[in-house]
PDB file of N, CA and C in Angstrom:
ATOM      1  N   UNK A   1     -10.985 306.430-115.997  1.00  0.00           N
ATOM      2  CA  UNK A   1     -11.087 305.383-114.997  1.00  0.00           C
ATOM      3  C   UNK A   1      -9.676 304.953-114.597  1.00  0.00           C
ATOM      4  N   UNK A   2      -9.445 304.859-113.276  1.00  0.00           N
ATOM      5  CA  UNK A   2      -8.135 304.454-112.763  1.00  0.00           C
ATOM      6  C   UNK A   2      -7.947 302.943-112.897  1.00  0.00           C
ATOM      7  N   UNK A   3      -6.708 302.523-113.115  1.00  0.00           N
ATOM      8  CA  UNK A   3      -6.461 301.074-113.157  1.00  0.00           C
ATOM      9  C   UNK A   3      -6.778 300.448-111.798  1.00  0.00           C
ATOM     10  N   UNK A   4      -7.297 299.252-111.841  1.00  0.00           N
ATOM     11  CA  UNK A   4      -7.640 298.528-110.616  1.00  0.00           C
ATOM     12  C   UNK A   4      -6.393 297.785-110.137  1.00  0.00           C
ATOM     13  N   UNK A   5      -6.114 297.919-108.848  1.00  0.00           N
ATOM     14  CA  UNK A   5      -4.958 297.226-108.281  1.00  0.00           C
ATOM     15  C   UNK A   5      -5.173 295.720-108.339  1.00  0.00           C
ATOM     16  N   UNK A   6      -4.123 295.015-108.692  1.00  0.00           N
ATOM     17  CA  UNK A   6      -4.170 293.558-108.709  1.00  0.00           C
ATOM     18  C   UNK A   6      -3.209 293.052-107.642  1.00  0.00           C
ATOM     19  N   UNK A   7      -3.756 292.315-106.712  1.00  0.00           N
ATOM     20  CA  UNK A   7      -2.951 291.770-105.625  1.00  0.00           C
ATOM     21  C   UNK A   7      -2.891 290.261-105.816  1.00  0.00           C
ATOM     22  N   UNK A   8      -1.677 289.742-105.785  1.00  0.00           N
ATOM     23  CA  UNK A   8      -1.501 288.322-106.053  1.00  0.00           C
ATOM     24  C   UNK A   8      -0.462 287.765-105.092  1.00  0.00           C
ATOM     25  N   UNK A   9      -0.783 286.626-104.519  1.00  0.00           N
ATOM     26  CA  UNK A   9       0.204 285.936-103.696  1.00  0.00           C
ATOM     27  C   UNK A   9       0.991 285.004-104.610  1.00  0.00           C
ATOM     28  N   UNK A  10       2.294 285.081-104.524  1.00  0.00           N
ATOM     29  CA  UNK A  10       3.128 284.228-105.366  1.00  0.00           C
ATOM     30  C   UNK A  10       4.348 283.787-104.577  1.00  0.00           C
ATOM     31  N   UNK A  11       4.829 282.627-104.907  1.00  0.00           N
ATOM     32  CA  UNK A  11       6.030 282.088-104.300  1.00  0.00           C
ATOM     33  C   UNK A  11       6.987 281.770-105.438  1.00  0.00           C
ATOM     34  N   UNK A  12       8.063 282.532-105.531  1.00  0.00           N
ATOM     35  CA  UNK A  12       9.072 282.252-106.553  1.00  0.00           C
ATOM     36  C   UNK A  12       9.999 281.184-105.983  1.00  0.00           C
ATOM     37  N   UNK A  13      10.185 280.129-106.745  1.00  0.00           N
ATOM     38  CA  UNK A  13      10.939 278.976-106.246  1.00  0.00           C
ATOM     39  C   UNK A  13      12.111 278.667-107.158  1.00  0.00           C
ATOM     40  N   UNK A  14      13.245 278.465-106.533  1.00  0.00           N
ATOM     41  CA  UNK A  14      14.400 277.910-107.222  1.00  0.00           C
ATOM     42  C   UNK A  14      14.773 276.666-106.440  1.00  0.00           C
ATOM     43  N   UNK A  15      14.855 275.540-107.141  1.00  0.00           N
ATOM     44  CA  UNK A  15      15.121 274.275-106.464  1.00  0.00           C
ATOM     45  C   UNK A  15      16.421 273.662-106.941  1.00  0.00           C
ATOM     46  N   UNK A  16      17.102 273.022-106.008  1.00  0.00           N
ATOM     47  CA  UNK A  16      18.271 272.214-106.328  1.00  0.00           C
ATOM     48  C   UNK A  16      17.748 270.825-106.655  1.00  0.00           C
ATOM     49  N   UNK A  17      17.691 270.485-107.944  1.00  0.00           N
ATOM     50  CA  UNK A  17      17.106 269.220-108.370  1.00  0.00           C
ATOM     51  C   UNK A  17      17.969 268.004-108.034  1.00  0.00           C
ATOM     52  N   UNK A  18      19.146 268.243-107.478  1.00  0.00           N
ATOM     53  CA  UNK A  18      19.938 267.109-107.001  1.00  0.00           C
ATOM     54  C   UNK A  18      19.472 266.677-105.617  1.00  0.00           C
ATOM     55  N   UNK A  19      18.585 267.469-104.991  1.00  0.00           N
ATOM     56  CA  UNK A  19      18.032 267.154-103.665  1.00  0.00           C
ATOM     57  C   UNK A  19      16.507 267.325-103.711  1.00  0.00           C
ATOM     58  N   UNK A  20      15.820 266.551-104.543  1.00  0.00           N
ATOM     59  CA  UNK A  20      14.391 266.797-104.760  1.00  0.00           C
ATOM     60  C   UNK A  20      13.515 266.626-103.518  1.00  0.00           C
ATOM     61  N   UNK A  21      13.784 265.627-102.702  1.00  0.00           N
ATOM     62  CA  UNK A  21      12.928 265.397-101.530  1.00  0.00           C
ATOM     63  C   UNK A  21      13.048 266.550-100.543  1.00  0.00           C
ATOM     64  N   UNK A  22      14.272 266.928-100.237  1.00  0.00           N
ATOM     65  CA  UNK A  22      14.490 268.018 -99.286  1.00  0.00           C
ATOM     66  C   UNK A  22      13.906 269.334 -99.800  1.00  0.00           C
ATOM     67  N   UNK A  23      14.126 269.596-101.074  1.00  0.00           N
ATOM     68  CA  UNK A  23      13.654 270.851-101.664  1.00  0.00           C
ATOM     69  C   UNK A  23      12.131 270.905-101.717  1.00  0.00           C
ATOM     70  N   UNK A  24      11.502 269.809-102.137  1.00  0.00           N
ATOM     71  CA  UNK A  24      10.036 269.788-102.179  1.00  0.00           C
ATOM     72  C   UNK A  24       9.444 269.906-100.778  1.00  0.00           C
ATOM     73  N   UNK A  25      10.095 269.287 -99.807  1.00  0.00           N
ATOM     74  CA  UNK A  25       9.635 269.402 -98.430  1.00  0.00           C
ATOM     75  C   UNK A  25       9.660 270.851 -97.962  1.00  0.00           C
ATOM     76  N   UNK A  26      10.707 271.569 -98.313  1.00  0.00           N
ATOM     77  CA  UNK A  26      10.802 272.984 -97.952  1.00  0.00           C
ATOM     78  C   UNK A  26       9.715 273.808 -98.647  1.00  0.00           C
ATOM     79  N   UNK A  27       9.444 273.500 -99.901  1.00  0.00           N
ATOM     80  CA  UNK A  27       8.401 274.228-100.636  1.00  0.00           C
ATOM     81  C   UNK A  27       7.035 273.963-100.005  1.00  0.00           C
ATOM     82  N   UNK A  28       6.754 272.703 -99.709  1.00  0.00           N
ATOM     83  CA  UNK A  28       5.476 272.359 -99.082  1.00  0.00           C
ATOM     84  C   UNK A  28       5.343 273.085 -97.747  1.00  0.00           C
ATOM     85  N   UNK A  29       6.401 273.089 -96.964  1.00  0.00           N
ATOM     86  CA  UNK A  29       6.375 273.784 -95.672  1.00  0.00           C
ATOM     87  C   UNK A  29       6.105 275.270 -95.846  1.00  0.00           C
ATOM     88  N   UNK A  30       6.705 275.876 -96.865  1.00  0.00           N
ATOM     89  CA  UNK A  30       6.498 277.307 -97.113  1.00  0.00           C
ATOM     90  C   UNK A  30       5.056 277.589 -97.516  1.00  0.00           C
ATOM     91  N   UNK A  31       4.484 276.735 -98.349  1.00  0.00           N
ATOM     92  CA  UNK A  31       3.095 276.926 -98.774  1.00  0.00           C
ATOM     93  C   UNK A  31       2.159 276.774 -97.578  1.00  0.00           C
ATOM     94  N   UNK A  32       2.395 275.752 -96.776  1.00  0.00           N
ATOM     95  CA  UNK A  32       1.546 275.542 -95.599  1.00  0.00           C
ATOM     96  C   UNK A  32       1.670 276.715 -94.627  1.00  0.00           C
ATOM     97  N   UNK A  33       2.880 277.223 -94.456  1.00  0.00           N
ATOM     98  CA  UNK A  33       3.082 278.359 -93.558  1.00  0.00           C
ATOM     99  C   UNK A  33       2.316 279.589 -94.044  1.00  0.00           C
ATOM    100  N   UNK A  34       2.178 279.730 -95.362  1.00  0.00           N
ATOM    101  CA  UNK A  34       1.456 280.887 -95.902  1.00  0.00           C
ATOM    102  C   UNK A  34      -0.058 280.685 -95.883  1.00  0.00           C
ATOM    103  N   UNK A  35      -0.498 279.455 -95.718  1.00  0.00           N
ATOM    104  CA  UNK A  35      -1.926 279.120 -95.727  1.00  0.00           C
ATOM    105  C   UNK A  35      -2.259 278.170 -94.571  1.00  0.00           C
ATOM    106  N   UNK A  36      -1.978 278.552 -93.326  1.00  0.00           N
ATOM    107  CA  UNK A  36      -2.167 277.609 -92.214  1.00  0.00           C
ATOM    108  C   UNK A  36      -3.606 277.129 -92.055  1.00  0.00           C
ATOM    109  N   UNK A  37      -4.563 277.940 -92.448  1.00  0.00           N
ATOM    110  CA  UNK A  37      -5.971 277.544 -92.347  1.00  0.00           C
ATOM    111  C   UNK A  37      -6.354 276.477 -93.377  1.00  0.00           C
ATOM    112  N   UNK A  38      -5.498 276.293 -94.384  1.00  0.00           N
ATOM    113  CA  UNK A  38      -5.750 275.281 -95.413  1.00  0.00           C
ATOM    114  C   UNK A  38      -4.782 274.104 -95.301  1.00  0.00           C
ATOM    115  N   UNK A  39      -4.100 274.005 -94.174  1.00  0.00           N
ATOM    116  CA  UNK A  39      -3.070 272.967 -93.990  1.00  0.00           C
ATOM    117  C   UNK A  39      -3.600 271.571 -94.304  1.00  0.00           C
ATOM    118  N   UNK A  40      -4.733 271.209 -93.704  1.00  0.00           N
ATOM    119  CA  UNK A  40      -5.283 269.865 -93.913  1.00  0.00           C
ATOM    120  C   UNK A  40      -5.657 269.651 -95.377  1.00  0.00           C
ATOM    121  N   UNK A  41      -6.312 270.628 -95.986  1.00  0.00           N
ATOM    122  CA  UNK A  41      -6.726 270.523 -97.389  1.00  0.00           C
ATOM    123  C   UNK A  41      -5.511 270.341 -98.307  1.00  0.00           C
ATOM    124  N   UNK A  42      -4.465 271.109 -98.055  1.00  0.00           N
ATOM    125  CA  UNK A  42      -3.237 271.013 -98.859  1.00  0.00           C
ATOM    126  C   UNK A  42      -2.616 269.636 -98.710  1.00  0.00           C
ATOM    127  N   UNK A  43      -2.475 269.175 -97.471  1.00  0.00           N
ATOM    128  CA  UNK A  43      -1.834 267.883 -97.231  1.00  0.00           C
ATOM    129  C   UNK A  43      -2.670 266.720 -97.767  1.00  0.00           C
ATOM    130  N   UNK A  44      -3.993 266.823 -97.664  1.00  0.00           N
ATOM    131  CA  UNK A  44      -4.854 265.771 -98.225  1.00  0.00           C
ATOM    132  C   UNK A  44      -4.729 265.723 -99.747  1.00  0.00           C
ATOM    133  N   UNK A  45      -4.676 266.889-100.380  1.00  0.00           N
ATOM    134  CA  UNK A  45      -4.506 266.934-101.831  1.00  0.00           C
ATOM    135  C   UNK A  45      -3.179 266.339-102.263  1.00  0.00           C
ATOM    136  N   UNK A  46      -2.129 266.660-101.513  1.00  0.00           N
ATOM    137  CA  UNK A  46      -0.818 266.087-101.813  1.00  0.00           C
ATOM    138  C   UNK A  46      -0.816 264.582-101.594  1.00  0.00           C
ATOM    139  N   UNK A  47      -1.483 264.131-100.538  1.00  0.00           N
ATOM    140  CA  UNK A  47      -1.569 262.702-100.243  1.00  0.00           C
ATOM    141  C   UNK A  47      -2.217 261.954-101.408  1.00  0.00           C
ATOM    142  N   UNK A  48      -3.293 262.517-101.943  1.00  0.00           N
ATOM    143  CA  UNK A  48      -3.975 261.889-103.077  1.00  0.00           C
ATOM    144  C   UNK A  48      -3.070 261.869-104.302  1.00  0.00           C
ATOM    145  N   UNK A  49      -2.430 262.996-104.589  1.00  0.00           N
ATOM    146  CA  UNK A  49      -1.556 263.078-105.769  1.00  0.00           C
ATOM    147  C   UNK A  49      -0.379 262.114-105.660  1.00  0.00           C
ATOM    148  N   UNK A  50       0.238 262.045-104.491  1.00  0.00           N
ATOM    149  CA  UNK A  50       1.372 261.139-104.290  1.00  0.00           C
ATOM    150  C   UNK A  50       0.894 259.691-104.364  1.00  0.00           C
ATOM    151  N   UNK A  51      -0.247 259.400-103.746  1.00  0.00           N
ATOM    152  CA  UNK A  51      -0.797 258.040-103.795  1.00  0.00           C
ATOM    153  C   UNK A  51      -1.079 257.603-105.222  1.00  0.00           C
ATOM    154  N   UNK A  52      -1.643 258.490-106.025  1.00  0.00           N
ATOM    155  CA  UNK A  52      -1.916 258.170-107.434  1.00  0.00           C
ATOM    156  C   UNK A  52      -0.623 257.923-108.204  1.00  0.00           C
ATOM    157  N   UNK A  53       0.386 258.747-107.963  1.00  0.00           N
ATOM    158  CA  UNK A  53       1.667 258.576-108.648  1.00  0.00           C
ATOM    159  C   UNK A  53       2.318 257.248-108.261  1.00  0.00           C
ATOM    160  N   UNK A  54       2.267 256.906-106.971  1.00  0.00           N
ATOM    161  CA  UNK A  54       2.837 255.634-106.527  1.00  0.00           C
ATOM    162  C   UNK A  54       2.073 254.447-107.103  1.00  0.00           C
ATOM    163  N   UNK A  55       0.755 254.563-107.206  1.00  0.00           N
ATOM    164  CA  UNK A  55      -0.052 253.489-107.795  1.00  0.00           C
ATOM    165  C   UNK A  55       0.315 253.275-109.260  1.00  0.00           C
ATOM    166  N   UNK A  56       0.555 254.360-109.997  1.00  0.00           N
ATOM    167  CA  UNK A  56       0.975 254.245-111.398  1.00  0.00           C
ATOM    168  C   UNK A  56       2.321 253.543-111.509  1.00  0.00           C
ATOM    169  N   UNK A  57       3.246 253.918-110.621  1.00  0.00           N
ATOM    170  CA  UNK A  57       4.570 253.293-110.629  1.00  0.00           C
ATOM    171  C   UNK A  57       4.446 251.804-110.324  1.00  0.00           C
ATOM    172  N   UNK A  58       3.652 251.461-109.311  1.00  0.00           N
ATOM    173  CA  UNK A  58       3.480 250.062-108.944  1.00  0.00           C
ATOM    174  C   UNK A  58       2.856 249.269-110.089  1.00  0.00           C
ATOM    175  N   UNK A  59       1.846 249.828-110.744  1.00  0.00           N
ATOM    176  CA  UNK A  59       1.200 249.152-111.866  1.00  0.00           C
ATOM    177  C   UNK A  59       2.195 248.916-112.998  1.00  0.00           C
ATOM    178  N   UNK A  60       3.038 249.914-113.270  1.00  0.00           N
ATOM    179  CA  UNK A  60       4.040 249.759-114.328  1.00  0.00           C
ATOM    180  C   UNK A  60       5.074 248.697-113.947  1.00  0.00           C
ATOM    181  N   UNK A  61       5.493 248.698-112.681  1.00  0.00           N
ATOM    182  CA  UNK A  61       6.455 247.697-112.225  1.00  0.00           C
ATOM    183  C   UNK A  61       5.874 246.291-112.334  1.00  0.00           C
ATOM    184  N   UNK A  62       4.599 246.132-111.975  1.00  0.00           N
ATOM    185  CA  UNK A  62       3.950 244.825-112.080  1.00  0.00           C
ATOM    186  C   UNK A  62       3.835 244.395-113.533  1.00  0.00           C
ATOM    187  N   UNK A  63       3.521 245.352-114.419  1.00  0.00           N
ATOM    188  CA  UNK A  63       3.432 245.056-115.854  1.00  0.00           C
ATOM    189  C   UNK A  63       4.803 244.639-116.380  1.00  0.00           C
ATOM    190  N   UNK A  64       5.842 245.377-115.985  1.00  0.00           N
ATOM    191  CA  UNK A  64       7.198 245.049-116.423  1.00  0.00           C
ATOM    192  C   UNK A  64       7.626 243.678-115.905  1.00  0.00           C
ATOM    193  N   UNK A  65       7.277 243.366-114.658  1.00  0.00           N
ATOM    194  CA  UNK A  65       7.630 242.070-114.083  1.00  0.00           C
ATOM    195  C   UNK A  65       6.938 240.948-114.843  1.00  0.00           C
ATOM    196  N   UNK A  66       5.663 241.146-115.174  1.00  0.00           N
ATOM    197  CA  UNK A  66       4.927 240.131-115.928  1.00  0.00           C
ATOM    198  C   UNK A  66       5.566 239.931-117.291  1.00  0.00           C
ATOM    199  N   UNK A  67       5.961 241.012-117.937  1.00  0.00           N
ATOM    200  CA  UNK A  67       6.616 240.917-119.237  1.00  0.00           C
ATOM    201  C   UNK A  67       7.928 240.153-119.113  1.00  0.00           C
ATOM    202  N   UNK A  68       8.706 240.454-118.065  1.00  0.00           N
ATOM    203  CA  UNK A  68       9.966 239.739-117.836  1.00  0.00           C
ATOM    204  C   UNK A  68       9.726 238.258-117.587  1.00  0.00           C
ATOM    205  N   UNK A  69       8.711 237.947-116.789  1.00  0.00           N
ATOM    206  CA  UNK A  69       8.378 236.544-116.491  1.00  0.00           C
ATOM    207  C   UNK A  69       7.944 235.819-117.753  1.00  0.00           C
ATOM    208  N   UNK A  70       7.120 236.465-118.566  1.00  0.00           N
ATOM    209  CA  UNK A  70       6.629 235.853-119.805  1.00  0.00           C
ATOM    210  C   UNK A  70       7.784 235.593-120.774  1.00  0.00           C
ATOM    211  N   UNK A  71       8.706 236.527-120.869  1.00  0.00           N
ATOM    212  CA  UNK A  71       9.804 236.375-121.822  1.00  0.00           C
ATOM    213  C   UNK A  71      10.831 235.359-121.353  1.00  0.00           C
ATOM    214  N   UNK A  72      10.884 235.083-120.052  1.00  0.00           N
ATOM    215  CA  UNK A  72      11.860 234.112-119.559  1.00  0.00           C
ATOM    216  C   UNK A  72      11.267 232.718-119.465  1.00  0.00           C
ATOM    217  N   UNK A  73       9.975 232.592-119.797  1.00  0.00           N
ATOM    218  CA  UNK A  73       9.341 231.269-119.797  1.00  0.00           C
ATOM    219  C   UNK A  73       8.781 230.854-118.453  1.00  0.00           C
ATOM    220  N   UNK A  74       8.826 231.728-117.473  1.00  0.00           N
ATOM    221  CA  UNK A  74       8.275 231.394-116.165  1.00  0.00           C
ATOM    222  C   UNK A  74       6.758 231.354-116.250  1.00  0.00           C
ATOM    223  N   UNK A  75       6.183 230.458-115.457  1.00  0.00           N
ATOM    224  CA  UNK A  75       4.742 230.358-115.395  1.00  0.00           C
ATOM    225  C   UNK A  75       4.287 230.907-114.054  1.00  0.00           C
ATOM    226  N   UNK A  76       3.294 231.799-114.088  1.00  0.00           N
ATOM    227  CA  UNK A  76       2.798 232.412-112.847  1.00  0.00           C
ATOM    228  C   UNK A  76       1.844 231.487-112.156  1.00  0.00           C
TER     229      UNK A  76
END
């Protein structure tokens, strides 16, 4: 029996982590360009992931602020 061909789409990425926003934007653009029929699905998924990450950051900031207020004797 002959080996079955395996075809895989892959994007090898090297990023300059000193420019994360620009680099991630380029990666997102490259992925969308390779999957134009899934553009909306990709962007909606990213929107949800980014929204969740921002919500976590905001919750932590609010928790930290409350801790700072409590330790300084401020009353909310």
